[in-house]
Amino acid sequence: MTQVHFTMTAEDIQSLIQQSVENDVSKKILTMVFNQLMEQERSDYINASDYERSEERVSYRNGYYERDFTTRVGTLELRVPRTRDGKFSPSVFERYQRNEKALLAAMLEMYISGVSTRKVTKLVEELCGKKISKSLVSTLTKDLDEIVAKWQHSSLNNECYPYLMVDVIYLKVREEERVISKSCHIAIGFSQEGGRKVLGFLIQNGESEKSWSHFFEYLKARNLQGVQMITSDAHKGLVASIKKSFTNVSWQRCQVHFLRNIFASIPKKDSVAFREQIKALFKFTDIDIARKTKAKITETYIDDRKYKTACTILDEGFEDAFQYITSGGRNSRLRSTNLLERLNEELRRRERIIRIFPNVSSANRLIGALLIDQSEQWEYAARNYIKM
């Protein structure tokens, strides 16, 4: 059995619970846990599994009825099993009311731990007061994986996304007794109405032109349409892949990363005037004014040895860093990958609790569920993110 190196304090668990009160993903998982536990309780009561012939059978299955059940994470819509004799009554509701926080904590720990069936079985046994089969834990995990996979590979048929934002985060995953680094490619799309949505993600073996091309082909295979501009950092493999995968599409170089590149090439001492002029340049939203200002800065500083490299970087990357003006409708939120960086920080916050994923499936499960939740929050936001 896979060994999971998982460290999580009681404070961490309670913090996750507190932060998951409005979390649709937690509702889905808890609904799944309840339905599976009630199904097993009915099997135990009947003393026979599905379609099993048994002389010890007590009663027969008689479908389900719908029941709403209010918890800390919201109202759950449950399918409560029935029996023909009408005597079966699930006990999970009573146990949940007595141990609500503990059950949710166990659920979340199961969810983010990457499935050590032995550990999860023990947790659920403690909460439910009876033995829970490993097959039930595996079923719960399978259901979670199916939710993520369905979303991850769903069609993007009905909407156009003129603007994309892409980036990579790195995860530590245990593979064949080794801990290796895996890349997680993520794309955010901005619709024609100005809304934002996580379009997809893929966990791969690195950040190269090949891996980016594979990621873009994955998005295109799901019928991604109407792309006009892509915002990203200047990773060579990524930029090359954008040019090949998306012809007639503009590339917006992230201005935040670009500024860092420029400032990294100059001394910190006695460079305040140059820095302020560069910062002012990147606030212009009129491309003609920006071009004239850039030319003036370059002319002023190009012969100064300590600014020569910075001027070269500025000159070579300027047009790519201002594509949002000519191709992105002057939407300043498209000039950098700040939105995606903030999303990555949230993913890293959860990933730091785990530190090392036991396998790729567990990483895909957690990252996918978090991205689903974030995307749903964005889609139901009261205001559009950008003006179209």
Protein backbone atom coordinates (compact mmCIF):
# COMPACT_ATOMS: atom_id res chain seq x y z
CA MET A 1 0.00 0.00 0.00
CA THR A 2 1.22 3.50 -0.78
CA GLN A 3 2.77 5.26 2.21
CA VAL A 4 1.50 8.80 2.66
CA HIS A 5 3.81 11.32 4.29
CA PHE A 6 1.14 13.62 5.64
CA THR A 7 1.53 16.18 8.42
CA MET A 8 -1.52 18.11 9.52
CA THR A 9 -2.20 19.50 12.99
CA ALA A 10 -5.60 19.88 14.60
CA GLU A 11 -5.23 23.64 14.11
CA ASP A 12 -4.65 23.12 10.38
CA ILE A 13 -7.76 20.97 10.12
CA GLN A 14 -9.95 23.44 12.00
CA SER A 15 -8.57 26.26 9.86
CA LEU A 16 -9.56 24.38 6.72
CA ILE A 17 -13.02 23.78 8.16
CA GLN A 18 -13.45 27.46 8.95
CA GLN A 19 -12.33 28.48 5.47
CA SER A 20 -14.58 25.91 3.81
CA VAL A 21 -17.91 27.11 5.19
CA GLU A 22 -18.97 28.54 1.85
CA ASN A 23 -17.06 25.98 -0.16
CA ASP A 24 -19.16 24.18 -2.81
CA VAL A 25 -16.47 21.53 -3.13
CA SER A 26 -16.86 20.64 0.57
CA LYS A 27 -20.63 20.37 0.06
CA LYS A 28 -20.16 17.99 -2.85
CA ILE A 29 -17.71 15.84 -0.93
CA LEU A 30 -19.83 15.74 2.22
CA THR A 31 -22.93 14.87 0.16
CA MET A 32 -20.96 12.03 -1.39
CA VAL A 33 -19.78 10.79 2.02
CA PHE A 34 -23.33 10.78 3.44
CA ASN A 35 -24.84 8.98 0.45
CA GLN A 36 -22.16 6.29 0.48
CA LEU A 37 -22.40 5.75 4.24
CA MET A 38 -26.21 5.48 4.09
CA GLU A 39 -25.94 3.01 1.22
CA GLN A 40 -23.64 0.83 3.26
CA GLU A 41 -25.87 1.13 6.32
CA ARG A 42 -28.82 -0.15 4.27
CA SER A 43 -26.76 -3.10 3.02
CA ASP A 44 -25.79 -3.91 6.60
CA TYR A 45 -29.41 -3.68 7.73
CA ILE A 46 -30.71 -5.91 4.91
CA ASN A 47 -27.78 -8.25 5.46
CA ALA A 48 -27.23 -8.61 1.73
CA SER A 49 -25.42 -6.63 -0.94
CA ASP A 50 -26.90 -5.60 -4.30
CA TYR A 51 -28.46 -8.54 -6.20
CA GLU A 52 -27.14 -11.02 -3.61
CA ARG A 53 -29.21 -14.12 -2.88
CA SER A 54 -29.07 -14.79 0.85
CA GLU A 55 -31.16 -16.78 3.32
CA GLU A 56 -30.14 -14.26 5.99
CA ARG A 57 -31.69 -11.33 4.10
CA VAL A 58 -33.95 -9.24 6.38
CA SER A 59 -35.65 -7.03 3.79
CA TYR A 60 -35.30 -5.63 0.27
CA ARG A 61 -34.18 -2.32 -1.19
CA ASN A 62 -37.00 0.07 -2.04
CA GLY A 63 -35.41 3.03 -3.82
CA TYR A 64 -34.69 6.41 -2.28
CA TYR A 65 -36.31 9.61 -1.12
CA GLU A 66 -34.83 13.09 -1.32
CA ARG A 67 -33.92 14.90 1.88
CA ASP A 68 -32.34 18.29 2.55
CA PHE A 69 -29.92 18.34 5.45
CA THR A 70 -28.39 21.56 6.79
CA THR A 71 -24.74 21.53 7.87
CA ARG A 72 -21.98 24.05 8.44
CA VAL A 73 -21.08 23.94 4.76
CA GLY A 74 -24.66 24.57 3.64
CA THR A 75 -27.75 22.54 2.79
CA LEU A 76 -27.02 19.13 1.29
CA GLU A 77 -29.43 17.40 -1.10
CA LEU A 78 -29.25 13.74 -0.08
CA ARG A 79 -30.67 10.48 -1.48
CA VAL A 80 -31.83 8.53 1.56
CA PRO A 81 -32.18 4.76 1.00
CA ARG A 82 -35.44 2.95 1.86
CA THR A 83 -36.38 -0.69 2.53
CA ARG A 84 -39.62 -2.50 1.83
CA ASP A 85 -40.34 -3.17 5.50
CA GLY A 86 -40.08 0.57 6.22
CA LYS A 87 -38.00 -0.03 9.34
CA PHE A 88 -34.62 1.14 8.11
CA SER A 89 -33.46 4.55 9.34
CA PRO A 90 -29.92 5.84 8.68
CA SER A 91 -27.98 6.74 11.80
CA VAL A 92 -25.45 9.03 10.10
CA PHE A 93 -27.59 12.14 10.71
CA GLU A 94 -27.53 11.67 14.46
CA ARG A 95 -23.85 10.84 14.47
CA TYR A 96 -23.08 13.84 12.29
CA GLN A 97 -24.94 16.20 14.61
CA ARG A 98 -22.91 14.87 17.54
CA ASN A 99 -19.59 14.94 15.68
CA GLU A 100 -20.07 17.49 12.91
CA LYS A 101 -16.68 19.14 13.11
CA ALA A 102 -14.89 15.85 13.53
CA LEU A 103 -16.61 14.30 10.52
CA LEU A 104 -15.89 17.31 8.33
CA ALA A 105 -12.29 17.31 9.53
CA ALA A 106 -11.95 13.64 8.65
CA MET A 107 -13.58 14.22 5.30
CA LEU A 108 -11.21 17.06 4.44
CA GLU A 109 -8.20 15.14 5.66
CA MET A 110 -9.26 12.18 3.54
CA TYR A 111 -9.73 14.50 0.62
CA ILE A 112 -6.39 16.26 0.76
CA SER A 113 -4.26 13.38 2.00
CA GLY A 114 -4.27 11.55 -1.32
CA VAL A 115 -6.00 8.43 -0.04
CA SER A 116 -4.21 6.20 2.36
CA THR A 117 -7.15 3.77 2.62
CA ARG A 118 -5.88 2.40 5.94
CA LYS A 119 -5.79 5.85 7.50
CA VAL A 120 -9.14 6.99 6.10
CA THR A 121 -10.82 3.74 7.13
CA LYS A 122 -9.64 4.26 10.70
CA LEU A 123 -10.91 7.85 10.78
CA VAL A 124 -14.37 6.95 9.48
CA GLU A 125 -14.59 3.96 11.84
CA GLU A 126 -13.93 6.23 14.81
CA LEU A 127 -16.66 8.62 13.73
CA CYS A 128 -19.30 6.15 12.62
CA GLY A 129 -18.75 3.52 15.29
CA LYS A 130 -18.51 0.60 12.89
CA LYS A 131 -16.11 -1.01 10.48
CA ILE A 132 -15.94 0.62 7.06
CA SER A 133 -14.63 -1.43 4.17
CA LYS A 134 -11.65 -0.34 2.12
CA SER A 135 -13.88 -0.65 -0.93
CA LEU A 136 -16.10 2.14 0.43
CA VAL A 137 -13.09 4.42 0.84
CA SER A 138 -11.98 3.54 -2.67
CA THR A 139 -15.49 4.29 -3.97
CA LEU A 140 -15.47 7.72 -2.33
CA THR A 141 -12.09 8.47 -3.84
CA LYS A 142 -13.21 7.23 -7.25
CA ASP A 143 -16.25 9.50 -7.09
CA LEU A 144 -14.06 12.49 -6.25
CA ASP A 145 -11.76 11.68 -9.15
CA GLU A 146 -14.74 11.41 -11.49
CA ILE A 147 -16.00 14.88 -10.49
CA VAL A 148 -12.59 16.40 -11.23
CA ALA A 149 -12.08 14.43 -14.46
CA LYS A 150 -15.52 15.37 -15.78
CA TRP A 151 -14.81 19.06 -15.20
CA GLN A 152 -11.21 18.83 -16.40
CA HIS A 153 -12.24 17.38 -19.77
CA SER A 154 -15.64 19.04 -20.25
CA SER A 155 -16.39 20.79 -23.55
CA LEU A 156 -15.83 24.54 -23.91
CA ASN A 157 -18.27 24.58 -26.83
CA ASN A 158 -20.75 27.24 -25.82
CA GLU A 159 -18.45 30.18 -25.10
CA CYS A 160 -15.64 32.16 -26.70
CA TYR A 161 -12.67 33.25 -24.63
CA PRO A 162 -10.87 36.14 -26.36
CA TYR A 163 -8.22 36.40 -23.64
CA LEU A 164 -6.23 33.70 -21.88
CA MET A 165 -3.82 33.84 -18.95
CA VAL A 166 -1.47 30.89 -18.42
CA ASP A 167 1.15 29.88 -15.86
CA VAL A 168 2.77 26.90 -14.13
CA ILE A 169 3.19 25.91 -10.50
CA TYR A 170 5.41 23.07 -9.31
CA LEU A 171 4.37 20.24 -6.97
CA LYS A 172 6.39 17.57 -5.16
CA VAL A 173 5.10 14.10 -5.94
CA ARG A 174 6.32 10.68 -4.79
CA GLU A 175 6.95 8.40 -7.75
CA GLU A 176 8.70 5.02 -7.63
CA GLU A 177 10.22 5.70 -4.20
CA ARG A 178 11.54 9.08 -5.36
CA VAL A 179 10.26 12.59 -4.70
CA ILE A 180 10.17 14.48 -7.98
CA SER A 181 8.94 17.85 -9.17
CA LYS A 182 5.85 17.95 -11.37
CA SER A 183 4.57 20.94 -13.34
CA CYS A 184 0.93 21.96 -13.19
CA HIS A 185 -0.11 24.02 -16.23
CA ILE A 186 -3.15 26.25 -15.60
CA ALA A 187 -5.22 28.47 -17.91
CA ILE A 188 -7.74 31.17 -17.05
CA GLY A 189 -10.12 32.44 -19.72
CA PHE A 190 -11.97 35.74 -20.01
CA SER A 191 -15.33 35.53 -21.78
CA GLN A 192 -16.86 37.96 -24.25
CA GLU A 193 -18.91 39.40 -21.38
CA GLY A 194 -15.81 40.01 -19.25
CA GLY A 195 -16.26 37.13 -16.82
CA ARG A 196 -13.39 34.88 -15.77
CA LYS A 197 -13.17 31.12 -15.60
CA VAL A 198 -10.55 28.46 -14.94
CA LEU A 199 -10.46 26.67 -18.30
CA GLY A 200 -8.32 23.72 -17.34
CA PHE A 201 -5.13 22.28 -15.91
CA LEU A 202 -2.73 19.42 -16.59
CA ILE A 203 -0.02 17.93 -14.39
CA GLN A 204 3.04 17.14 -16.49
CA ASN A 205 6.77 16.42 -16.20
CA GLY A 206 8.18 19.90 -16.79
CA GLU A 207 7.82 23.25 -18.47
CA SER A 208 9.03 22.99 -22.04
CA GLU A 209 7.75 23.88 -25.48
CA LYS A 210 6.51 20.31 -25.80
CA SER A 211 4.61 20.34 -22.51
CA TRP A 212 3.03 23.71 -23.29
CA SER A 213 2.04 22.53 -26.77
CA HIS A 214 0.42 19.46 -25.21
CA PHE A 215 -1.48 21.69 -22.78
CA PHE A 216 -2.72 24.00 -25.55
CA GLU A 217 -3.77 21.02 -27.67
CA TYR A 218 -5.73 19.74 -24.66
CA LEU A 219 -7.60 23.08 -24.48
CA LYS A 220 -8.20 23.14 -28.24
CA ALA A 221 -9.45 19.55 -28.18
CA ARG A 222 -12.15 20.75 -25.77
CA ASN A 223 -13.19 23.29 -28.43
CA LEU A 224 -11.55 26.40 -27.06
CA GLN A 225 -12.60 29.19 -29.42
CA GLY A 226 -12.08 32.85 -30.21
CA VAL A 227 -8.66 33.41 -28.62
CA GLN A 228 -7.20 36.81 -29.49
CA MET A 229 -4.49 37.35 -26.86
CA ILE A 230 -2.58 35.28 -24.31
CA THR A 231 -0.89 36.78 -21.23
CA SER A 232 2.08 34.96 -19.69
CA ASP A 233 5.67 35.32 -18.56
CA ALA A 234 8.49 35.13 -21.11
CA HIS A 235 9.50 31.49 -20.66
CA LYS A 236 11.07 30.56 -24.01
CA GLY A 237 9.27 27.24 -24.40
CA LEU A 238 5.93 28.84 -23.56
CA VAL A 239 6.35 31.74 -25.99
CA ALA A 240 7.44 29.40 -28.79
CA SER A 241 4.45 27.15 -28.14
CA ILE A 242 2.01 30.08 -28.21
CA LYS A 243 3.31 31.11 -31.64
CA LYS A 244 2.91 27.60 -33.02
CA SER A 245 -0.36 26.63 -31.33
CA PHE A 246 -2.21 29.93 -31.79
CA THR A 247 -1.56 31.61 -35.15
CA ASN A 248 -2.82 35.20 -35.50
CA VAL A 249 -3.02 35.50 -31.69
CA SER A 250 -1.15 38.24 -29.80
CA TRP A 251 1.14 37.49 -26.89
CA GLN A 252 1.03 39.88 -23.92
CA ARG A 253 4.23 39.67 -21.92
CA CYS A 254 3.47 40.00 -18.21
CA GLN A 255 4.51 43.54 -17.27
CA VAL A 256 5.27 42.61 -13.67
CA HIS A 257 7.80 39.97 -14.74
CA PHE A 258 9.15 42.31 -17.41
CA LEU A 259 9.77 45.09 -14.89
CA ARG A 260 11.61 42.64 -12.65
CA ASN A 261 13.82 41.65 -15.59
CA ILE A 262 14.67 45.31 -16.30
CA PHE A 263 15.36 46.25 -12.68
CA ALA A 264 17.44 43.12 -12.09
CA SER A 265 19.96 44.43 -14.63
CA ILE A 266 20.66 47.78 -12.91
CA PRO A 267 22.39 48.64 -9.63
CA LYS A 268 20.12 49.46 -6.69
CA LYS A 269 22.23 52.43 -5.71
CA ASP A 270 21.59 55.80 -7.39
CA SER A 271 18.98 54.42 -9.81
CA VAL A 272 15.81 56.02 -8.38
CA ALA A 273 15.28 58.40 -11.31
CA PHE A 274 15.56 55.62 -13.89
CA ARG A 275 13.24 53.34 -11.93
CA GLU A 276 10.58 56.03 -11.57
CA GLN A 277 10.65 56.80 -15.30
CA ILE A 278 10.25 53.12 -16.16
CA LYS A 279 7.35 52.72 -13.72
CA ALA A 280 5.65 55.80 -15.20
CA LEU A 281 6.10 54.37 -18.70
CA PHE A 282 4.12 51.25 -17.83
CA LYS A 283 1.16 53.31 -16.63
CA PHE A 284 0.43 54.70 -20.11
CA THR A 285 -2.58 53.27 -21.94
CA ASP A 286 -1.97 55.22 -25.17
CA ILE A 287 0.46 53.21 -27.29
CA ASP A 288 1.80 56.24 -29.20
CA ILE A 289 2.63 58.10 -25.99
CA ALA A 290 4.18 54.96 -24.55
CA ARG A 291 6.37 54.47 -27.61
CA LYS A 292 7.59 58.07 -27.56
CA THR A 293 8.33 57.87 -23.82
CA LYS A 294 10.23 54.62 -24.27
CA ALA A 295 12.31 56.14 -27.06
CA LYS A 296 13.14 59.13 -24.87
CA ILE A 297 14.20 56.94 -21.92
CA THR A 298 16.37 54.79 -24.17
CA GLU A 299 18.01 57.81 -25.77
CA THR A 300 18.76 59.30 -22.34
CA TYR A 301 20.28 56.22 -20.72
CA ILE A 302 21.63 53.97 -23.49
CA ASP A 303 25.16 55.43 -23.34
CA ASP A 304 25.37 55.01 -19.56
CA ARG A 305 27.16 51.72 -18.95
CA LYS A 306 25.10 50.74 -15.93
CA TYR A 307 21.79 51.18 -17.81
CA LYS A 308 22.83 49.82 -21.22
CA THR A 309 21.55 46.28 -20.58
CA ALA A 310 18.31 47.57 -19.09
CA CYS A 311 17.69 49.75 -22.14
CA THR A 312 18.31 46.80 -24.45
CA ILE A 313 15.86 44.62 -22.49
CA LEU A 314 13.28 47.42 -22.55
CA ASP A 315 13.66 48.03 -26.27
CA GLU A 316 13.48 44.35 -27.24
CA GLY A 317 10.48 43.50 -25.05
CA PHE A 318 8.49 46.73 -25.18
CA GLU A 319 5.97 45.86 -27.91
CA ASP A 320 5.14 42.47 -26.41
CA ALA A 321 4.53 44.12 -23.03
CA PHE A 322 1.98 46.56 -24.49
CA GLN A 323 -0.15 44.20 -26.55
CA TYR A 324 -3.03 44.61 -24.10
CA ILE A 325 -3.46 48.17 -25.46
CA THR A 326 -3.61 47.17 -29.13
CA SER A 327 -5.20 43.71 -28.80
CA GLY A 328 -6.80 43.61 -25.36
CA GLY A 329 -9.08 46.61 -25.43
CA ARG A 330 -6.84 48.50 -22.99
CA ASN A 331 -7.97 46.28 -20.14
CA SER A 332 -5.21 46.89 -17.60
CA ARG A 333 -6.03 43.66 -15.75
CA LEU A 334 -4.78 41.76 -18.80
CA ARG A 335 -1.30 43.30 -18.76
CA SER A 336 0.06 40.93 -16.11
CA THR A 337 -0.55 37.46 -14.68
CA ASN A 338 -1.31 38.85 -11.22
CA LEU A 339 -4.73 37.16 -11.09
CA LEU A 340 -3.19 33.78 -11.83
CA GLU A 341 -0.34 34.43 -9.39
CA ARG A 342 -2.90 35.00 -6.61
CA LEU A 343 -4.66 31.78 -7.57
CA ASN A 344 -1.33 29.94 -7.50
CA GLU A 345 -0.64 31.27 -4.01
CA GLU A 346 -3.93 29.79 -2.82
CA LEU A 347 -2.98 26.44 -4.36
CA ARG A 348 0.46 26.62 -2.74
CA ARG A 349 -1.11 27.38 0.65
CA ARG A 350 -2.99 24.07 0.49
CA GLU A 351 -0.07 22.24 -1.10
CA ARG A 352 2.26 23.32 1.73
CA ILE A 353 0.07 21.45 4.23
CA ILE A 354 0.64 18.23 2.31
CA ARG A 355 4.25 18.97 1.25
CA ILE A 356 4.63 15.77 -0.79
CA PHE A 357 1.77 14.20 -2.73
CA PRO A 358 1.79 10.39 -2.55
CA ASN A 359 0.99 10.12 -6.26
CA VAL A 360 -0.12 12.14 -9.29
CA SER A 361 -3.76 11.15 -8.79
CA SER A 362 -3.88 12.74 -5.34
CA ALA A 363 -2.31 15.94 -6.68
CA ASN A 364 -4.79 16.02 -9.56
CA ARG A 365 -7.67 15.48 -7.13
CA LEU A 366 -6.74 18.34 -4.81
CA ILE A 367 -5.67 20.87 -7.46
CA GLY A 368 -8.71 20.05 -9.58
CA ALA A 369 -11.20 20.43 -6.74
CA LEU A 370 -9.69 23.74 -5.64
CA LEU A 371 -9.78 25.07 -9.21
CA ILE A 372 -13.40 23.95 -9.65
CA ASP A 373 -14.38 25.82 -6.51
CA GLN A 374 -12.51 28.98 -7.50
CA SER A 375 -13.95 28.93 -11.01
CA GLU A 376 -17.49 28.59 -9.63
CA GLN A 377 -16.94 31.54 -7.32
CA TRP A 378 -15.78 33.66 -10.27
CA GLU A 379 -18.65 32.58 -12.50
CA TYR A 380 -21.26 33.59 -9.92
CA ALA A 381 -19.58 36.87 -9.00
CA ALA A 382 -21.85 39.94 -9.07
CA ARG A 383 -19.52 41.93 -11.37
CA ASN A 384 -17.51 41.12 -14.45
CA TYR A 385 -13.75 41.12 -13.99
CA ILE A 386 -12.95 43.20 -17.09
CA LYS A 387 -14.88 45.64 -19.26
CA MET A 388 -15.35 44.45 -22.82
